[in-house]
PDB file of all heavy atoms in Angstrom:
ATOM      1  N   SER A   1     120.081 102.927  81.371  1.00  0.00           N
ATOM      2  CA  SER A   1     119.560 103.329  82.681  1.00  0.00           C
ATOM      3  C   SER A   1     118.409 102.472  83.180  1.00  0.00           C
ATOM      4  O   SER A   1     117.802 102.802  84.208  1.00  0.00           O
ATOM      5  CB  SER A   1     119.107 104.791  82.626  1.00  0.00           C
ATOM      6  OG  SER A   1     118.020 104.957  81.722  1.00  0.00           O
ATOM      7  N   HIS A   2     118.109 101.355  82.502  1.00  0.00           N
ATOM      8  CA  HIS A   2     116.985 100.513  82.939  1.00  0.00           C
ATOM      9  C   HIS A   2     117.210  99.087  82.464  1.00  0.00           C
ATOM     10  O   HIS A   2     117.073  98.780  81.266  1.00  0.00           O
ATOM     11  CB  HIS A   2     115.674 101.061  82.345  1.00  0.00           C
ATOM     12  CG  HIS A   2     114.430 100.379  82.836  1.00  0.00           C
ATOM     13  ND1 HIS A   2     113.374 101.067  83.379  1.00  0.00           N
ATOM     14  CD2 HIS A   2     114.042  99.075  82.840  1.00  0.00           C
ATOM     15  CE1 HIS A   2     112.401 100.222  83.701  1.00  0.00           C
ATOM     16  NE2 HIS A   2     112.796  98.998  83.372  1.00  0.00           N
ATOM     17  N   ALA A   3     117.561  98.197  83.390  1.00  0.00           N
ATOM     18  CA  ALA A   3     117.787  96.793  83.037  1.00  0.00           C
ATOM     19  C   ALA A   3     117.480  95.904  84.235  1.00  0.00           C
ATOM     20  O   ALA A   3     117.694  96.289  85.383  1.00  0.00           O
ATOM     21  CB  ALA A   3     119.230  96.572  82.576  1.00  0.00           C
ATOM     22  N   HIS A   4     116.978  94.718  83.953  1.00  0.00           N
ATOM     23  CA  HIS A   4     116.637  93.716  84.968  1.00  0.00           C
ATOM     24  C   HIS A   4     117.480  92.468  84.690  1.00  0.00           C
ATOM     25  O   HIS A   4     117.042  91.579  83.968  1.00  0.00           O
ATOM     26  CB  HIS A   4     115.165  93.325  84.886  1.00  0.00           C
ATOM     27  CG  HIS A   4     114.175  94.451  84.930  1.00  0.00           C
ATOM     28  ND1 HIS A   4     113.346  94.667  86.003  1.00  0.00           N
ATOM     29  CD2 HIS A   4     113.850  95.404  84.021  1.00  0.00           C
ATOM     30  CE1 HIS A   4     112.544  95.693  85.760  1.00  0.00           C
ATOM     31  NE2 HIS A   4     112.844  96.167  84.566  1.00  0.00           N
ATOM     32  N   LEU A   5     118.674  92.404  85.207  1.00  0.00           N
ATOM     33  CA  LEU A   5     119.590  91.314  84.837  1.00  0.00           C
ATOM     34  C   LEU A   5     119.658  90.182  85.845  1.00  0.00           C
ATOM     35  O   LEU A   5     120.237  89.140  85.537  1.00  0.00           O
ATOM     36  CB  LEU A   5     121.002  91.862  84.615  1.00  0.00           C
ATOM     37  CG  LEU A   5     121.180  93.005  83.611  1.00  0.00           C
ATOM     38  CD1 LEU A   5     122.663  93.248  83.369  1.00  0.00           C
ATOM     39  CD2 LEU A   5     120.448  92.747  82.299  1.00  0.00           C
ATOM     40  N   VAL A   6     119.096  90.360  87.033  1.00  0.00           N
ATOM     41  CA  VAL A   6     119.195  89.318  88.059  1.00  0.00           C
ATOM     42  C   VAL A   6     117.945  88.457  88.017  1.00  0.00           C
ATOM     43  O   VAL A   6     116.896  88.806  88.562  1.00  0.00           O
ATOM     44  CB  VAL A   6     119.367  89.923  89.469  1.00  0.00           C
ATOM     45  CG1 VAL A   6     119.685  88.815  90.476  1.00  0.00           C
ATOM     46  CG2 VAL A   6     120.452  90.986  89.489  1.00  0.00           C
ATOM     47  N   PHE A   7     118.061  87.334  87.327  1.00  0.00           N
ATOM     48  CA  PHE A   7     116.909  86.436  87.178  1.00  0.00           C
ATOM     49  C   PHE A   7     117.405  85.054  86.780  1.00  0.00           C
ATOM     50  O   PHE A   7     118.576  84.871  86.436  1.00  0.00           O
ATOM     51  CB  PHE A   7     115.926  86.963  86.124  1.00  0.00           C
ATOM     52  CG  PHE A   7     116.489  87.016  84.720  1.00  0.00           C
ATOM     53  CD1 PHE A   7     116.448  85.902  83.890  1.00  0.00           C
ATOM     54  CD2 PHE A   7     117.068  88.176  84.241  1.00  0.00           C
ATOM     55  CE1 PHE A   7     116.977  85.939  82.607  1.00  0.00           C
ATOM     56  CE2 PHE A   7     117.604  88.230  82.951  1.00  0.00           C
ATOM     57  CZ  PHE A   7     117.557  87.112  82.142  1.00  0.00           C
ATOM     58  N   ALA A   8     116.490  84.098  86.803  1.00  0.00           N
ATOM     59  CA  ALA A   8     116.776  82.744  86.312  1.00  0.00           C
ATOM     60  C   ALA A   8     115.695  82.349  85.319  1.00  0.00           C
ATOM     61  O   ALA A   8     114.575  82.870  85.344  1.00  0.00           O
ATOM     62  CB  ALA A   8     116.829  81.748  87.461  1.00  0.00           C
ATOM     63  N   GLY A   9     116.029  81.418  84.445  1.00  0.00           N
ATOM     64  CA  GLY A   9     115.069  80.917  83.461  1.00  0.00           C
ATOM     65  C   GLY A   9     114.873  81.878  82.308  1.00  0.00           C
ATOM     66  O   GLY A   9     115.544  82.893  82.179  1.00  0.00           O
ATOM     67  N   ASP A  10     113.929  81.542  81.434  1.00  0.00           N
ATOM     68  CA  ASP A  10     113.542  82.462  80.375  1.00  0.00           C
ATOM     69  C   ASP A  10     112.044  82.304  80.108  1.00  0.00           C
ATOM     70  O   ASP A  10     111.386  81.461  80.718  1.00  0.00           O
ATOM     71  CB  ASP A  10     114.365  82.270  79.095  1.00  0.00           C
ATOM     72  CG  ASP A  10     114.027  80.995  78.320  1.00  0.00           C
ATOM     73  OD1 ASP A  10     112.890  80.505  78.409  1.00  0.00           O
ATOM     74  OD2 ASP A  10     114.909  80.498  77.608  1.00  0.00           O
ATOM     75  N   ARG A  11     111.524  83.153  79.249  1.00  0.00           N
ATOM     76  CA  ARG A  11     110.100  83.108  78.935  1.00  0.00           C
ATOM     77  C   ARG A  11     109.892  83.114  77.429  1.00  0.00           C
ATOM     78  O   ARG A  11     109.069  83.847  76.876  1.00  0.00           O
ATOM     79  CB  ARG A  11     109.376  84.270  79.625  1.00  0.00           C
ATOM     80  CG  ARG A  11     109.129  83.978  81.100  1.00  0.00           C
ATOM     81  CD  ARG A  11     109.124  85.178  81.993  1.00  0.00           C
ATOM     82  NE  ARG A  11     108.160  86.200  81.634  1.00  0.00           N
ATOM     83  CZ  ARG A  11     108.164  87.436  82.162  1.00  0.00           C
ATOM     84  NH1 ARG A  11     109.077  87.759  83.066  1.00  0.00           N
ATOM     85  NH2 ARG A  11     107.265  88.319  81.799  1.00  0.00           N
ATOM     86  N   ALA A  12     110.673  82.262  76.756  1.00  0.00           N
ATOM     87  CA  ALA A  12     110.592  82.186  75.301  1.00  0.00           C
ATOM     88  C   ALA A  12     109.212  81.735  74.845  1.00  0.00           C
ATOM     89  O   ALA A  12     108.688  82.216  73.831  1.00  0.00           O
ATOM     90  CB  ALA A  12     111.664  81.240  74.764  1.00  0.00           C
ATOM     91  N   ALA A  13     108.600  80.818  75.598  1.00  0.00           N
ATOM     92  CA  ALA A  13     107.262  80.335  75.215  1.00  0.00           C
ATOM     93  C   ALA A  13     106.234  81.462  75.317  1.00  0.00           C
ATOM     94  O   ALA A  13     105.322  81.564  74.486  1.00  0.00           O
ATOM     95  CB  ALA A  13     106.858  79.160  76.101  1.00  0.00           C
ATOM     96  N   GLU A  14     106.396  82.305  76.328  1.00  0.00           N
ATOM     97  CA  GLU A  14     105.503  83.462  76.471  1.00  0.00           C
ATOM     98  C   GLU A  14     105.659  84.408  75.272  1.00  0.00           C
ATOM     99  O   GLU A  14     104.680  84.939  74.747  1.00  0.00           O
ATOM    100  CB  GLU A  14     105.819  84.187  77.773  1.00  0.00           C
ATOM    101  CG  GLU A  14     105.008  85.439  78.024  1.00  0.00           C
ATOM    102  CD  GLU A  14     105.510  86.216  79.228  1.00  0.00           C
ATOM    103  OE1 GLU A  14     105.802  85.603  80.278  1.00  0.00           O
ATOM    104  OE2 GLU A  14     105.623  87.450  79.113  1.00  0.00           O
ATOM    105  N   PHE A  15     106.902  84.620  74.855  1.00  0.00           N
ATOM    106  CA  PHE A  15     107.147  85.463  73.687  1.00  0.00           C
ATOM    107  C   PHE A  15     106.467  84.882  72.444  1.00  0.00           C
ATOM    108  O   PHE A  15     105.809  85.595  71.684  1.00  0.00           O
ATOM    109  CB  PHE A  15     108.653  85.596  73.447  1.00  0.00           C
ATOM    110  CG  PHE A  15     109.006  86.307  72.168  1.00  0.00           C
ATOM    111  CD1 PHE A  15     108.945  87.683  72.083  1.00  0.00           C
ATOM    112  CD2 PHE A  15     109.398  85.581  71.051  1.00  0.00           C
ATOM    113  CE1 PHE A  15     109.269  88.339  70.904  1.00  0.00           C
ATOM    114  CE2 PHE A  15     109.726  86.222  69.868  1.00  0.00           C
ATOM    115  CZ  PHE A  15     109.659  87.613  69.787  1.00  0.00           C
ATOM    116  N   ALA A  16     106.624  83.576  72.257  1.00  0.00           N
ATOM    117  CA  ALA A  16     106.001  82.936  71.095  1.00  0.00           C
ATOM    118  C   ALA A  16     104.484  83.087  71.125  1.00  0.00           C
ATOM    119  O   ALA A  16     103.848  83.333  70.095  1.00  0.00           O
ATOM    120  CB  ALA A  16     106.394  81.461  71.040  1.00  0.00           C
ATOM    121  N   ALA A  17     103.898  82.975  72.314  1.00  0.00           N
ATOM    122  CA  ALA A  17     102.453  83.138  72.445  1.00  0.00           C
ATOM    123  C   ALA A  17     102.025  84.562  72.085  1.00  0.00           C
ATOM    124  O   ALA A  17     100.992  84.765  71.430  1.00  0.00           O
ATOM    125  CB  ALA A  17     102.013  82.787  73.865  1.00  0.00           C
ATOM    126  N   ARG A  18     102.814  85.552  72.503  1.00  0.00           N
ATOM    127  CA  ARG A  18     102.483  86.937  72.142  1.00  0.00           C
ATOM    128  C   ARG A  18     102.553  87.132  70.642  1.00  0.00           C
ATOM    129  O   ARG A  18     101.708  87.795  70.041  1.00  0.00           O
ATOM    130  CB  ARG A  18     103.438  87.915  72.835  1.00  0.00           C
ATOM    131  CG  ARG A  18     103.141  88.161  74.279  1.00  0.00           C
ATOM    132  CD  ARG A  18     103.757  89.472  74.747  1.00  0.00           C
ATOM    133  NE  ARG A  18     105.190  89.546  74.519  1.00  0.00           N
ATOM    134  CZ  ARG A  18     106.109  89.070  75.345  1.00  0.00           C
ATOM    135  NH1 ARG A  18     105.742  88.454  76.456  1.00  0.00           N
ATOM    136  NH2 ARG A  18     107.388  89.197  75.080  1.00  0.00           N
ATOM    137  N   MET A  19     103.567  86.548  70.028  1.00  0.00           N
ATOM    138  CA  MET A  19     103.685  86.686  68.577  1.00  0.00           C
ATOM    139  C   MET A  19     102.533  85.996  67.852  1.00  0.00           C
ATOM    140  O   MET A  19     102.222  86.322  66.709  1.00  0.00           O
ATOM    141  CB  MET A  19     105.034  86.130  68.097  1.00  0.00           C
ATOM    142  CG  MET A  19     106.246  86.889  68.630  1.00  0.00           C
ATOM    143  SD  MET A  19     106.247  88.680  68.272  1.00  0.00           S
ATOM    144  CE  MET A  19     105.705  89.367  69.863  1.00  0.00           C
ATOM    145  N   ALA A  20     101.899  85.057  68.548  1.00  0.00           N
ATOM    146  CA  ALA A  20     100.730  84.378  67.972  1.00  0.00           C
ATOM    147  C   ALA A  20      99.420  85.101  68.302  1.00  0.00           C
ATOM    148  O   ALA A  20      98.349  84.642  67.915  1.00  0.00           O
ATOM    149  CB  ALA A  20     100.661  82.946  68.481  1.00  0.00           C
ATOM    150  N   GLY A  21      99.529  86.209  69.049  1.00  0.00           N
ATOM    151  CA  GLY A  21      98.334  87.013  69.261  1.00  0.00           C
ATOM    152  C   GLY A  21      97.894  87.244  70.682  1.00  0.00           C
ATOM    153  O   GLY A  21      96.958  88.010  70.925  1.00  0.00           O
ATOM    154  N   GLU A  22      98.522  86.607  71.674  1.00  0.00           N
ATOM    155  CA  GLU A  22      98.116  86.842  73.058  1.00  0.00           C
ATOM    156  C   GLU A  22      98.625  88.203  73.524  1.00  0.00           C
ATOM    157  O   GLU A  22      99.761  88.573  73.237  1.00  0.00           O
ATOM    158  CB  GLU A  22      98.670  85.739  73.973  1.00  0.00           C
ATOM    159  CG  GLU A  22      98.020  84.381  73.746  1.00  0.00           C
ATOM    160  CD  GLU A  22      98.435  83.364  74.799  1.00  0.00           C
ATOM    161  OE1 GLU A  22      99.005  83.789  75.834  1.00  0.00           O
ATOM    162  OE2 GLU A  22      98.202  82.166  74.577  1.00  0.00           O
ATOM    163  N   PRO A  23      97.809  88.966  74.268  1.00  0.00           N
ATOM    164  CA  PRO A  23      98.235  90.294  74.718  1.00  0.00           C
ATOM    165  C   PRO A  23      99.230  90.197  75.870  1.00  0.00           C
ATOM    166  O   PRO A  23      99.262  89.210  76.604  1.00  0.00           O
ATOM    167  CB  PRO A  23      96.932  90.945  75.185  1.00  0.00           C
ATOM    168  CG  PRO A  23      96.072  89.787  75.601  1.00  0.00           C
ATOM    169  CD  PRO A  23      96.424  88.658  74.666  1.00  0.00           C
ATOM    170  N   TYR A  24     100.028  91.255  76.034  1.00  0.00           N
ATOM    171  CA  TYR A  24     100.955  91.330  77.154  1.00  0.00           C
ATOM    172  C   TYR A  24     100.267  92.014  78.319  1.00  0.00           C
ATOM    173  O   TYR A  24      99.710  93.101  78.172  1.00  0.00           O
ATOM    174  CB  TYR A  24     102.217  92.120  76.778  1.00  0.00           C
ATOM    175  CG  TYR A  24     103.158  92.302  77.950  1.00  0.00           C
ATOM    176  CD1 TYR A  24     103.857  91.222  78.464  1.00  0.00           C
ATOM    177  CD2 TYR A  24     103.323  93.544  78.557  1.00  0.00           C
ATOM    178  CE1 TYR A  24     104.713  91.369  79.551  1.00  0.00           C
ATOM    179  CE2 TYR A  24     104.182  93.702  79.640  1.00  0.00           C
ATOM    180  CZ  TYR A  24     104.869  92.612  80.127  1.00  0.00           C
ATOM    181  OH  TYR A  24     105.707  92.763  81.201  1.00  0.00           O
ATOM    182  N   THR A  25     100.293  91.392  79.499  1.00  0.00           N
ATOM    183  CA  THR A  25      99.663  91.955  80.688  1.00  0.00           C
ATOM    184  C   THR A  25     100.635  92.159  81.843  1.00  0.00           C
ATOM    185  O   THR A  25     100.287  92.747  82.856  1.00  0.00           O
ATOM    186  CB  THR A  25      98.542  91.035  81.201  1.00  0.00           C
ATOM    187  OG1 THR A  25      99.121  89.794  81.621  1.00  0.00           O
ATOM    188  CG2 THR A  25      97.519  90.772  80.110  1.00  0.00           C
ATOM    189  N   GLY A  26     101.860  91.679  81.715  1.00  0.00           N
ATOM    190  CA  GLY A  26     102.831  91.761  82.803  1.00  0.00           C
ATOM    191  C   GLY A  26     102.736  90.596  83.775  1.00  0.00           C
ATOM    192  O   GLY A  26     103.538  90.492  84.701  1.00  0.00           O
ATOM    193  N   GLY A  27     101.761  89.708  83.575  1.00  0.00           N
ATOM    194  CA  GLY A  27     101.549  88.618  84.517  1.00  0.00           C
ATOM    195  C   GLY A  27     102.657  87.592  84.549  1.00  0.00           C
ATOM    196  O   GLY A  27     102.809  86.865  85.541  1.00  0.00           O
ATOM    197  N   GLY A  28     103.459  87.515  83.487  1.00  0.00           N
ATOM    198  CA  GLY A  28     104.523  86.524  83.436  1.00  0.00           C
ATOM    199  C   GLY A  28     105.657  86.788  84.396  1.00  0.00           C
ATOM    200  O   GLY A  28     106.533  85.920  84.576  1.00  0.00           O
ATOM    201  N   ILE A  29     105.688  87.982  85.004  1.00  0.00           N
ATOM    202  CA  ILE A  29     106.742  88.291  85.969  1.00  0.00           C
ATOM    203  C   ILE A  29     106.800  87.222  87.053  1.00  0.00           C
ATOM    204  O   ILE A  29     107.882  86.814  87.490  1.00  0.00           O
ATOM    205  CB  ILE A  29     106.504  89.687  86.584  1.00  0.00           C
ATOM    206  CG1 ILE A  29     106.717  90.767  85.521  1.00  0.00           C
ATOM    207  CG2 ILE A  29     107.418  89.925  87.789  1.00  0.00           C
ATOM    208  CD1 ILE A  29     106.265  92.153  85.947  1.00  0.00           C
ATOM    209  N   ARG A  30     105.637  86.725  87.465  1.00  0.00           N
ATOM    210  CA  ARG A  30     105.612  85.745  88.562  1.00  0.00           C
ATOM    211  C   ARG A  30     106.295  84.434  88.158  1.00  0.00           C
ATOM    212  O   ARG A  30     106.821  83.719  89.011  1.00  0.00           O
ATOM    213  CB  ARG A  30     104.171  85.494  89.011  1.00  0.00           C
ATOM    214  CG  ARG A  30     103.556  86.706  89.715  1.00  0.00           C
ATOM    215  CD  ARG A  30     102.170  86.402  90.281  1.00  0.00           C
ATOM    216  NE  ARG A  30     101.604  87.572  90.967  1.00  0.00           N
ATOM    217  CZ  ARG A  30     100.872  88.507  90.374  1.00  0.00           C
ATOM    218  NH1 ARG A  30     100.609  88.402  89.078  1.00  0.00           N
ATOM    219  NH2 ARG A  30     100.393  89.531  91.069  1.00  0.00           N
ATOM    220  N   THR A  31     106.304  84.113  86.874  1.00  0.00           N
ATOM    221  CA  THR A  31     107.019  82.927  86.397  1.00  0.00           C
ATOM    222  C   THR A  31     108.512  83.070  86.673  1.00  0.00           C
ATOM    223  O   THR A  31     109.175  82.141  87.159  1.00  0.00           O
ATOM    224  CB  THR A  31     106.784  82.728  84.892  1.00  0.00           C
ATOM    225  OG1 THR A  31     105.393  82.606  84.642  1.00  0.00           O
ATOM    226  CG2 THR A  31     107.514  81.505  84.372  1.00  0.00           C
ATOM    227  N   THR A  32     109.047  84.247  86.367  1.00  0.00           N
ATOM    228  CA  THR A  32     110.463  84.494  86.611  1.00  0.00           C
ATOM    229  C   THR A  32     110.765  84.541  88.099  1.00  0.00           C
ATOM    230  O   THR A  32     111.846  84.116  88.536  1.00  0.00           O
ATOM    231  CB  THR A  32     110.893  85.799  85.926  1.00  0.00           C
ATOM    232  OG1 THR A  32     110.634  85.694  84.521  1.00  0.00           O
ATOM    233  CG2 THR A  32     112.370  86.086  86.141  1.00  0.00           C
ATOM    234  N   VAL A  33     109.830  85.040  88.893  1.00  0.00           N
ATOM    235  CA  VAL A  33     110.027  85.067  90.346  1.00  0.00           C
ATOM    236  C   VAL A  33     110.260  83.656  90.881  1.00  0.00           C
ATOM    237  O   VAL A  33     111.189  83.411  91.662  1.00  0.00           O
ATOM    238  CB  VAL A  33     108.832  85.739  91.050  1.00  0.00           C
ATOM    239  CG1 VAL A  33     108.896  85.526  92.565  1.00  0.00           C
ATOM    240  CG2 VAL A  33     108.788  87.222  90.722  1.00  0.00           C
ATOM    241  N   GLY A  34     109.448  82.700  90.442  1.00  0.00           N
ATOM    242  CA  GLY A  34     109.611  81.326  90.903  1.00  0.00           C
ATOM    243  C   GLY A  34     110.967  80.756  90.540  1.00  0.00           C
ATOM    244  O   GLY A  34     111.635  80.123  91.379  1.00  0.00           O
ATOM    245  N   ALA A  35     111.395  80.993  89.299  1.00  0.00           N
ATOM    246  CA  ALA A  35     112.691  80.468  88.868  1.00  0.00           C
ATOM    247  C   ALA A  35     113.844  81.147  89.602  1.00  0.00           C
ATOM    248  O   ALA A  35     114.839  80.502  89.960  1.00  0.00           O
ATOM    249  CB  ALA A  35     112.840  80.662  87.362  1.00  0.00           C
ATOM    250  N   THR A  36     113.724  82.428  89.858  1.00  0.00           N
ATOM    251  CA  THR A  36     114.788  83.177  90.525  1.00  0.00           C
ATOM    252  C   THR A  36     114.933  82.738  91.974  1.00  0.00           C
ATOM    253  O   THR A  36     116.057  82.562  92.478  1.00  0.00           O
ATOM    254  CB  THR A  36     114.504  84.681  90.437  1.00  0.00           C
ATOM    255  OG1 THR A  36     114.395  85.052  89.054  1.00  0.00           O
ATOM    256  CG2 THR A  36     115.600  85.495  91.102  1.00  0.00           C
ATOM    257  N   ARG A  37     113.823  82.556  92.651  1.00  0.00           N
ATOM    258  CA  ARG A  37     113.894  82.097  94.042  1.00  0.00           C
ATOM    259  C   ARG A  37     114.573  80.735  94.149  1.00  0.00           C
ATOM    260  O   ARG A  37     115.277  80.448  95.121  1.00  0.00           O
ATOM    261  CB  ARG A  37     112.484  82.013  94.635  1.00  0.00           C
ATOM    262  CG  ARG A  37     111.835  83.352  94.903  1.00  0.00           C
ATOM    263  CD  ARG A  37     110.409  83.176  95.398  1.00  0.00           C
ATOM    264  NE  ARG A  37     109.769  84.442  95.739  1.00  0.00           N
ATOM    265  CZ  ARG A  37     108.517  84.556  96.168  1.00  0.00           C
ATOM    266  NH1 ARG A  37     107.761  83.464  96.297  1.00  0.00           N
ATOM    267  NH2 ARG A  37     108.013  85.736  96.458  1.00  0.00           N
ATOM    268  N   ALA A  38     114.370  79.880  93.138  1.00  0.00           N
ATOM    269  CA  ALA A  38     114.921  78.526  93.189  1.00  0.00           C
ATOM    270  C   ALA A  38     116.386  78.464  92.776  1.00  0.00           C
ATOM    271  O   ALA A  38     117.051  77.448  92.992  1.00  0.00           O
ATOM    272  CB  ALA A  38     114.100  77.610  92.277  1.00  0.00           C
ATOM    273  N   ALA A  39     116.916  79.545  92.192  1.00  0.00           N
ATOM    274  CA  ALA A  39     118.290  79.533  91.684  1.00  0.00           C
ATOM    275  C   ALA A  39     119.290  79.796  92.804  1.00  0.00           C
ATOM    276  O   ALA A  39     118.988  80.450  93.799  1.00  0.00           O
ATOM    277  CB  ALA A  39     118.442  80.594  90.601  1.00  0.00           C
ATOM    278  N   SER A  40     120.504  79.291  92.607  1.00  0.00           N
ATOM    279  CA  SER A  40     121.585  79.567  93.549  1.00  0.00           C
ATOM    280  C   SER A  40     122.181  80.945  93.266  1.00  0.00           C
ATOM    281  O   SER A  40     121.974  81.527  92.195  1.00  0.00           O
ATOM    282  CB  SER A  40     122.689  78.523  93.407  1.00  0.00           C
ATOM    283  OG  SER A  40     123.335  78.663  92.150  1.00  0.00           O
ATOM    284  N   ASP A  41     122.949  81.444  94.226  1.00  0.00           N
ATOM    285  CA  ASP A  41     123.642  82.711  94.016  1.00  0.00           C
ATOM    286  C   ASP A  41     124.523  82.645  92.778  1.00  0.00           C
ATOM    287  O   ASP A  41     124.570  83.589  91.978  1.00  0.00           O
ATOM    288  CB  ASP A  41     124.516  83.057  95.228  1.00  0.00           C
ATOM    289  CG  ASP A  41     123.728  83.559  96.416  1.00  0.00           C
ATOM    290  OD1 ASP A  41     122.484  83.444  96.410  1.00  0.00           O
ATOM    291  OD2 ASP A  41     124.353  84.058  97.372  1.00  0.00           O
ATOM    292  N   GLU A  42     125.251  81.548  92.620  1.00  0.00           N
ATOM    293  CA  GLU A  42     126.172  81.453  91.495  1.00  0.00           C
ATOM    294  C   GLU A  42     125.435  81.397  90.163  1.00  0.00           C
ATOM    295  O   GLU A  42     125.907  81.951  89.153  1.00  0.00           O
ATOM    296  CB  GLU A  42     127.101  80.251  91.639  1.00  0.00           C
ATOM    297  CG  GLU A  42     128.247  80.242  90.619  1.00  0.00           C
ATOM    298  CD  GLU A  42     128.951  81.605  90.474  1.00  0.00           C
ATOM    299  OE1 GLU A  42     129.316  82.206  91.492  1.00  0.00           O
ATOM    300  OE2 GLU A  42     129.115  82.048  89.316  1.00  0.00           O
ATOM    301  N   GLN A  43     124.271  80.757  90.121  1.00  0.00           N
ATOM    302  CA  GLN A  43     123.476  80.765  88.892  1.00  0.00           C
ATOM    303  C   GLN A  43     123.017  82.173  88.538  1.00  0.00           C
ATOM    304  O   GLN A  43     123.086  82.587  87.374  1.00  0.00           O
ATOM    305  CB  GLN A  43     122.270  79.829  89.048  1.00  0.00           C
ATOM    306  CG  GLN A  43     122.623  78.353  89.018  1.00  0.00           C
ATOM    307  CD  GLN A  43     121.430  77.469  89.381  1.00  0.00           C
ATOM    308  OE1 GLN A  43     120.652  77.779  90.289  1.00  0.00           O
ATOM    309  NE2 GLN A  43     121.288  76.359  88.664  1.00  0.00           N
ATOM    310  N   LEU A  44     122.566  82.922  89.527  1.00  0.00           N
ATOM    311  CA  LEU A  44     122.153  84.299  89.266  1.00  0.00           C
ATOM    312  C   LEU A  44     123.345  85.149  88.851  1.00  0.00           C
ATOM    313  O   LEU A  44     123.265  85.954  87.903  1.00  0.00           O
ATOM    314  CB  LEU A  44     121.490  84.895  90.514  1.00  0.00           C
ATOM    315  CG  LEU A  44     120.183  84.240  90.972  1.00  0.00           C
ATOM    316  CD1 LEU A  44     119.677  84.918  92.235  1.00  0.00           C
ATOM    317  CD2 LEU A  44     119.121  84.299  89.874  1.00  0.00           C
ATOM    318  N   ARG A  45     124.447  84.970  89.529  1.00  0.00           N
ATOM    319  CA  ARG A  45     125.657  85.738  89.211  1.00  0.00           C
ATOM    320  C   ARG A  45     126.114  85.442  87.783  1.00  0.00           C
ATOM    321  O   ARG A  45     126.536  86.351  87.054  1.00  0.00           O
ATOM    322  CB  ARG A  45     126.752  85.390  90.214  1.00  0.00           C
ATOM    323  CG  ARG A  45     128.018  86.197  90.063  1.00  0.00           C
ATOM    324  CD  ARG A  45     129.009  85.900  91.179  1.00  0.00           C
ATOM    325  NE  ARG A  45     128.562  86.412  92.476  1.00  0.00           N
ATOM    326  CZ  ARG A  45     128.151  85.640  93.483  1.00  0.00           C
ATOM    327  NH1 ARG A  45     128.122  84.295  93.355  1.00  0.00           N
ATOM    328  NH2 ARG A  45     127.781  86.181  94.617  1.00  0.00           N
ATOM    329  N   ALA A  46     126.033  84.193  87.374  1.00  0.00           N
ATOM    330  CA  ALA A  46     126.455  83.818  86.027  1.00  0.00           C
ATOM    331  C   ALA A  46     125.590  84.492  84.969  1.00  0.00           C
ATOM    332  O   ALA A  46     126.088  84.913  83.911  1.00  0.00           O
ATOM    333  CB  ALA A  46     126.410  82.298  85.859  1.00  0.00           C
TER     334      ALA A  46
END
C-alpha cells in the first residue's frame, strides 16, 4: 500500500554514506527530483 516507483537514477552513494554514519534527513529526495525531471516518459515507464 505504499511505493514510489516513478523515478529516475538511484542514490546508492547516499546509502553508502548512511552506512558510514551520516544521518537520514530526507534531503536526498531533491536529487531524485532532478533526475526524474530530466528523464523521458519511456525511461520512467521502464
